């Protein structure tokens, strides 16, 4: 296109194409019909071809005008995106915050954190991406997320780690189970019980199995699953008892009609939640607000765990 063509001329052309007549187009661009006619004639002269056929006072776009409009629209879409980005910057909401977390934390901790965040930043967009270890820690090390929540105690390269919650694994039982009458469960209490295990390779599965081996306790371990939420669903159906992380146990037991009972263990199997913050990438301006909300939720959950 000739270099002499101006953005205003293209704005006028677009307005005429969108509204079909000079009168309405003049209102949209805050100008007069005679001015639009002159600018349109000037644009056609610069292009070297007519853009409209004049039929009884009406303007009908030519084939060339329709083709040109496609290019003009691409340009204006780009301008709209720039304007939206400027608005985000003005409000310090530069796109979505990206939060990666373990699936169990996406269910039992993140919703509470986002509830806290919504009170102060109701329009802030957040993408929650559940990921398993070690892919979660790898993604944080590659700076693909703004922050992460994991059970690791080792910071990936280029990531700051902060422990935000420490508790112990707990037992989950069907309501009315014989063990629910006991305030604290010993390893020997599980002798002969149908036991729902976490998946092989899960670090907590290894710790739980080691505890029972050391106590010389035999269980029936026919069921296993990768998900602590799924474990609770199986326990609710009275398919066995289990030991899982305390956050999921608390969340599931608090649901109305859960049919679950949570009991502490006499043997401590530590459970840790760590906040992971990438250090290389420039942080989102409101990452701190989400971090504060996560810390508040972790503190609140931690206090509830102490009372259960």
Protein backbone atom coordinates (compact mmCIF):
# COMPACT_ATOMS: atom_id res chain seq x y z
CA UNK A 1 0.00 0.00 0.00
CA UNK A 2 1.25 3.50 -0.75
CA UNK A 3 3.10 5.10 2.14
CA UNK A 4 0.98 8.26 1.94
CA UNK A 5 -2.13 6.46 3.18
CA UNK A 6 -3.02 7.60 6.71
CA UNK A 7 -4.57 5.75 9.60
CA UNK A 8 -7.46 8.21 9.59
CA UNK A 9 -8.26 7.42 5.97
CA UNK A 10 -8.39 3.71 6.82
CA UNK A 11 -10.57 4.49 9.85
CA UNK A 12 -13.01 6.34 7.60
CA UNK A 13 -12.97 3.52 5.04
CA UNK A 14 -13.66 0.97 7.77
CA UNK A 15 -16.51 3.03 9.22
CA UNK A 16 -18.16 3.28 5.80
CA UNK A 17 -17.76 -0.44 5.24
CA UNK A 18 -19.23 -1.31 8.63
CA UNK A 19 -22.16 1.13 8.54
CA UNK A 20 -22.97 1.27 4.85
CA UNK A 21 -23.49 5.02 4.45
CA UNK A 22 -21.67 8.31 4.91
CA UNK A 23 -24.14 9.71 7.43
CA UNK A 24 -23.70 6.98 10.03
CA UNK A 25 -19.97 6.70 9.35
CA UNK A 26 -19.55 10.45 9.94
CA UNK A 27 -21.21 10.10 13.35
CA UNK A 28 -18.93 7.24 14.32
CA UNK A 29 -15.70 9.05 13.43
CA UNK A 30 -17.00 12.40 14.74
CA UNK A 31 -16.73 14.19 11.40
CA UNK A 32 -18.95 15.55 8.61
CA UNK A 33 -20.20 13.88 5.43
CA UNK A 34 -18.34 16.31 3.12
CA UNK A 35 -15.08 15.60 4.98
CA UNK A 36 -15.62 11.85 4.67
CA UNK A 37 -16.35 12.22 0.95
CA UNK A 38 -13.11 14.16 0.41
CA UNK A 39 -11.03 11.67 2.45
CA UNK A 40 -12.59 8.74 0.62
CA UNK A 41 -11.86 10.31 -2.76
CA UNK A 42 -8.29 10.99 -1.66
CA UNK A 43 -7.87 7.37 -0.54
CA UNK A 44 -9.19 6.05 -3.86
CA UNK A 45 -6.78 8.35 -5.71
CA UNK A 46 -3.85 7.05 -3.67
CA UNK A 47 -4.87 3.45 -4.21
CA UNK A 48 -5.49 3.88 -7.91
CA UNK A 49 -8.89 2.15 -7.91
CA UNK A 50 -12.46 2.78 -6.80
CA UNK A 51 -13.60 1.37 -3.47
CA UNK A 52 -17.33 1.93 -3.90
CA UNK A 53 -19.85 2.04 -6.70
CA UNK A 54 -22.19 5.02 -6.36
CA UNK A 55 -25.74 3.83 -6.99
CA UNK A 56 -28.57 6.36 -6.49
CA UNK A 57 -26.79 7.98 -3.55
CA UNK A 58 -25.73 4.70 -1.94
CA UNK A 59 -22.25 3.23 -1.66
CA UNK A 60 -21.76 -0.39 -2.67
CA UNK A 61 -18.31 -1.90 -1.91
CA UNK A 62 -16.33 -3.19 -4.86
CA UNK A 63 -14.57 -6.56 -4.85
CA UNK A 64 -11.31 -4.74 -4.20
CA UNK A 65 -12.86 -2.91 -1.25
CA UNK A 66 -13.97 -6.21 0.30
CA UNK A 67 -10.46 -7.63 -0.08
CA UNK A 68 -8.90 -4.49 1.39
CA UNK A 69 -11.31 -4.63 4.33
CA UNK A 70 -9.91 -8.00 5.36
CA UNK A 71 -6.44 -6.48 5.75
CA UNK A 72 -7.78 -3.40 7.51
CA UNK A 73 -9.68 -5.57 10.01
CA UNK A 74 -6.50 -7.45 10.90
CA UNK A 75 -4.83 -4.15 11.63
CA UNK A 76 -7.69 -2.94 13.82
CA UNK A 77 -7.84 -6.22 15.74
CA UNK A 78 -4.18 -5.63 16.58
CA UNK A 79 -4.99 -2.13 17.77
CA UNK A 80 -7.81 -3.46 19.94
CA UNK A 81 -5.39 -5.93 21.53
CA UNK A 82 -2.93 -3.12 22.21
CA UNK A 83 -5.69 -1.06 23.82
CA UNK A 84 -6.74 -4.02 26.00
CA UNK A 85 -3.14 -4.57 27.05
CA UNK A 86 -2.82 -0.89 27.96
CA UNK A 87 -5.94 -1.20 30.10
CA UNK A 88 -4.45 -4.22 31.87
CA UNK A 89 -1.25 -2.32 32.56
CA UNK A 90 -3.22 0.64 33.85
CA UNK A 91 -5.03 -1.65 36.29
CA UNK A 92 -1.92 -3.75 37.02
CA UNK A 93 -3.69 -6.90 35.84
CA UNK A 94 -1.24 -8.07 33.22
CA UNK A 95 -2.93 -11.24 32.06
CA UNK A 96 -3.68 -14.32 34.08
CA UNK A 97 -1.71 -15.45 37.05
CA UNK A 98 -0.60 -19.04 36.52
CA UNK A 99 -0.64 -21.31 39.56
CA UNK A 100 0.68 -24.89 39.38
CA UNK A 101 -0.09 -27.27 42.23
CA UNK A 102 -0.44 -30.91 43.13
CA UNK A 103 -3.95 -32.28 42.38
CA UNK A 104 -4.66 -32.79 46.09
CA UNK A 105 -3.84 -29.14 46.80
CA UNK A 106 -6.02 -27.99 43.88
CA UNK A 107 -8.92 -29.57 45.77
CA UNK A 108 -8.08 -28.90 49.39
CA UNK A 109 -6.07 -25.66 49.61
CA UNK A 110 -6.20 -23.58 46.42
CA UNK A 111 -9.99 -22.94 46.49
CA UNK A 112 -9.65 -21.43 49.97
CA UNK A 113 -6.76 -19.24 48.80
CA UNK A 114 -8.73 -18.00 45.79
CA UNK A 115 -11.68 -17.25 48.05
CA UNK A 116 -9.41 -14.99 50.11
CA UNK A 117 -8.02 -13.38 46.94
CA UNK A 118 -11.50 -12.69 45.54
CA UNK A 119 -12.29 -10.40 48.46
CA UNK A 120 -9.57 -7.93 47.49
CA UNK A 121 -9.14 -8.61 43.74
CA UNK A 122 -12.47 -9.93 42.45
CA UNK A 123 -11.57 -9.38 38.79
CA UNK A 124 -8.10 -10.93 38.86
CA UNK A 125 -7.85 -13.89 36.47
CA UNK A 126 -6.05 -17.02 37.68
CA UNK A 127 -5.33 -20.29 35.88
CA UNK A 128 -5.00 -23.28 38.21
CA UNK A 129 -2.99 -26.13 36.68
CA UNK A 130 -2.85 -29.40 38.66
CA UNK A 131 0.42 -31.22 37.98
CA UNK A 132 2.07 -34.25 39.53
CA UNK A 133 5.64 -34.34 40.79
CA UNK A 134 8.29 -34.23 39.40
CA UNK A 135 6.73 -32.45 36.38
CA UNK A 136 5.38 -29.69 38.61
CA UNK A 137 8.82 -28.82 39.99
CA UNK A 138 10.35 -29.05 36.52
CA UNK A 139 7.77 -26.61 35.12
CA UNK A 140 8.48 -24.15 37.94
CA UNK A 141 12.20 -24.43 37.27
CA UNK A 142 11.48 -23.61 33.61
CA UNK A 143 9.62 -20.46 34.76
CA UNK A 144 6.37 -21.61 33.14
CA UNK A 145 4.21 -20.58 36.11
CA UNK A 146 4.01 -17.60 38.43
CA UNK A 147 4.01 -19.75 41.55
CA UNK A 148 3.55 -23.33 42.61
CA UNK A 149 2.38 -25.45 45.54
CA UNK A 150 4.09 -28.77 46.17
CA UNK A 151 5.02 -31.25 48.88
CA UNK A 152 8.71 -31.12 47.98
CA UNK A 153 11.27 -29.84 50.45
CA UNK A 154 13.98 -29.36 47.79
CA UNK A 155 13.87 -26.13 45.76
CA UNK A 156 14.31 -26.62 41.99
CA UNK A 157 17.04 -24.57 40.33
CA UNK A 158 15.98 -20.93 39.95
CA UNK A 159 13.06 -21.33 42.37
CA UNK A 160 12.63 -20.01 45.90
CA UNK A 161 11.02 -22.52 48.32
CA UNK A 162 9.09 -21.61 51.44
CA UNK A 163 7.40 -24.12 53.76
CA UNK A 164 3.90 -22.85 54.51
CA UNK A 165 2.20 -25.79 56.25
CA UNK A 166 3.39 -28.80 58.25
CA UNK A 167 1.17 -31.54 59.64
CA UNK A 168 0.95 -35.35 59.69
CA UNK A 169 -0.86 -37.94 57.61
CA UNK A 170 -4.17 -39.09 59.10
CA UNK A 171 -6.48 -42.09 58.94
CA UNK A 172 -9.86 -41.90 57.18
CA UNK A 173 -12.59 -44.34 58.21
CA UNK A 174 -16.19 -44.98 57.23
CA UNK A 175 -18.64 -43.52 59.71
CA UNK A 176 -19.49 -46.09 62.36
CA UNK A 177 -16.34 -48.13 61.80
CA UNK A 178 -15.05 -49.91 64.91
CA UNK A 179 -11.84 -47.83 64.90
CA UNK A 180 -13.74 -44.54 64.91
CA UNK A 181 -14.31 -44.93 68.67
CA UNK A 182 -10.57 -44.53 69.28
CA UNK A 183 -9.17 -40.98 69.51
CA UNK A 184 -5.71 -41.97 68.19
CA UNK A 185 -4.91 -45.01 66.05
CA UNK A 186 -1.91 -47.27 66.54
CA UNK A 187 -0.40 -49.25 63.63
CA UNK A 188 -1.62 -52.46 65.29
CA UNK A 189 -5.22 -51.22 65.11
CA UNK A 190 -5.14 -51.83 61.35
CA UNK A 191 -4.36 -55.55 61.68
CA UNK A 192 -6.54 -57.53 59.25
CA UNK A 193 -8.32 -54.42 57.92
CA UNK A 194 -9.13 -53.90 54.26
CA UNK A 195 -6.80 -51.06 53.40
CA UNK A 196 -7.01 -48.65 50.44
CA UNK A 197 -3.50 -47.65 49.38
CA UNK A 198 -2.04 -44.81 47.39
CA UNK A 199 -0.35 -45.78 44.14
CA UNK A 200 2.98 -47.63 44.07
CA UNK A 201 5.79 -45.10 43.81
CA UNK A 202 3.95 -42.50 45.88
CA UNK A 203 6.36 -41.36 48.64
CA UNK A 204 3.59 -41.43 51.24
CA UNK A 205 2.66 -44.95 50.19
CA UNK A 206 6.24 -45.96 50.88
CA UNK A 207 6.21 -44.32 54.32
CA UNK A 208 2.88 -45.92 55.25
CA UNK A 209 3.95 -49.39 54.11
CA UNK A 210 7.23 -49.03 56.03
CA UNK A 211 5.32 -48.15 59.20
CA UNK A 212 3.22 -51.29 58.99
CA UNK A 213 6.21 -53.50 58.14
CA UNK A 214 8.08 -52.21 61.19
CA UNK A 215 4.99 -52.88 63.37
CA UNK A 216 4.56 -56.35 61.79
CA UNK A 217 0.96 -55.50 60.84
CA UNK A 218 -0.80 -57.39 58.05
CA UNK A 219 -3.51 -55.63 55.99
CA UNK A 220 -5.68 -56.61 53.02
CA UNK A 221 -4.42 -54.25 50.28
CA UNK A 222 -6.59 -55.04 47.29
CA UNK A 223 -7.44 -51.45 46.34
CA UNK A 224 -5.08 -48.64 45.37
CA UNK A 225 -5.39 -45.30 43.56
CA UNK A 226 -3.30 -42.25 42.68
CA UNK A 227 -5.82 -39.79 44.14
CA UNK A 228 -6.46 -39.00 47.80
CA UNK A 229 -9.94 -37.77 46.82
CA UNK A 230 -10.61 -41.14 45.20
CA UNK A 231 -9.37 -42.85 48.37
CA UNK A 232 -12.00 -40.96 50.37
CA UNK A 233 -14.71 -41.92 47.90
CA UNK A 234 -13.77 -45.58 48.28
CA UNK A 235 -13.71 -45.31 52.08
CA UNK A 236 -17.13 -43.67 51.99
CA UNK A 237 -18.44 -46.78 50.20
CA UNK A 238 -17.07 -48.85 53.10
CA UNK A 239 -14.54 -50.59 50.88
CA UNK A 240 -11.78 -50.15 53.42
CA UNK A 241 -9.84 -47.72 55.59
CA UNK A 242 -6.90 -45.56 54.52
CA UNK A 243 -4.17 -43.09 55.46
CA UNK A 244 -3.92 -39.87 53.41
CA UNK A 245 -2.82 -36.26 53.63
CA UNK A 246 -4.66 -34.20 56.29
CA UNK A 247 -5.82 -31.42 53.94
CA UNK A 248 -7.79 -33.75 51.68
CA UNK A 249 -9.11 -35.66 54.69
CA UNK A 250 -10.33 -32.44 56.32
CA UNK A 251 -11.90 -31.15 53.10
CA UNK A 252 -13.75 -34.38 52.39
CA UNK A 253 -14.85 -34.96 55.99
CA UNK A 254 -16.28 -31.43 56.28
CA UNK A 255 -18.61 -31.97 53.32
CA UNK A 256 -22.23 -32.44 54.33
CA UNK A 257 -23.10 -36.12 54.62
CA UNK A 258 -19.53 -37.15 53.91
CA UNK A 259 -19.78 -40.39 55.87
CA UNK A 260 -16.10 -40.06 56.80
CA UNK A 261 -14.29 -39.98 60.13
CA UNK A 262 -10.74 -38.64 60.48
CA UNK A 263 -8.37 -39.84 63.20
CA UNK A 264 -4.71 -38.96 63.97
CA UNK A 265 -1.99 -41.62 64.08
CA UNK A 266 0.34 -42.41 66.95
CA UNK A 267 3.22 -42.58 64.46
CA UNK A 268 4.06 -39.30 62.72
CA UNK A 269 4.23 -39.39 58.93
CA UNK A 270 5.09 -35.76 58.10
CA UNK A 271 3.14 -33.87 55.46
CA UNK A 272 4.55 -30.60 54.13
CA UNK A 273 3.23 -27.96 51.75
CA UNK A 274 5.80 -25.73 50.08
CA UNK A 275 5.33 -22.51 48.14
CA UNK A 276 7.53 -22.32 45.04
CA UNK A 277 8.36 -18.93 43.51
CA UNK A 278 10.37 -18.70 40.26
CA UNK A 279 13.19 -16.19 40.66
CA UNK A 280 14.34 -15.64 37.07
CA UNK A 281 11.23 -14.38 35.26
CA UNK A 282 9.85 -10.91 36.01
CA UNK A 283 6.99 -11.53 38.45
CA UNK A 284 3.38 -10.67 37.71
CA UNK A 285 2.56 -7.35 39.47
CA UNK A 286 -0.12 -9.05 41.56
CA UNK A 287 1.73 -12.26 42.35
CA UNK A 288 2.26 -10.96 45.87
CA UNK A 289 -1.50 -10.70 46.38
CA UNK A 290 -1.95 -14.35 45.42
CA UNK A 291 0.97 -15.37 47.64
CA UNK A 292 -0.61 -13.54 50.60
CA UNK A 293 -3.90 -15.33 49.93
CA UNK A 294 -2.18 -18.72 49.80
CA UNK A 295 -0.40 -17.99 53.09
CA UNK A 296 -3.66 -16.93 54.73
CA UNK A 297 -5.44 -20.07 53.52
CA UNK A 298 -2.58 -22.31 54.66
CA UNK A 299 -2.61 -20.68 58.09
CA UNK A 300 -6.38 -21.12 58.39
CA UNK A 301 -6.23 -24.76 57.27
CA UNK A 302 -3.35 -25.41 59.64
CA UNK A 303 -5.32 -24.11 62.61
CA UNK A 304 -8.30 -26.28 61.66
CA UNK A 305 -6.07 -29.34 61.47
CA UNK A 306 -4.91 -28.69 65.04
CA UNK A 307 -8.50 -28.81 66.30
CA UNK A 308 -9.37 -32.07 64.53
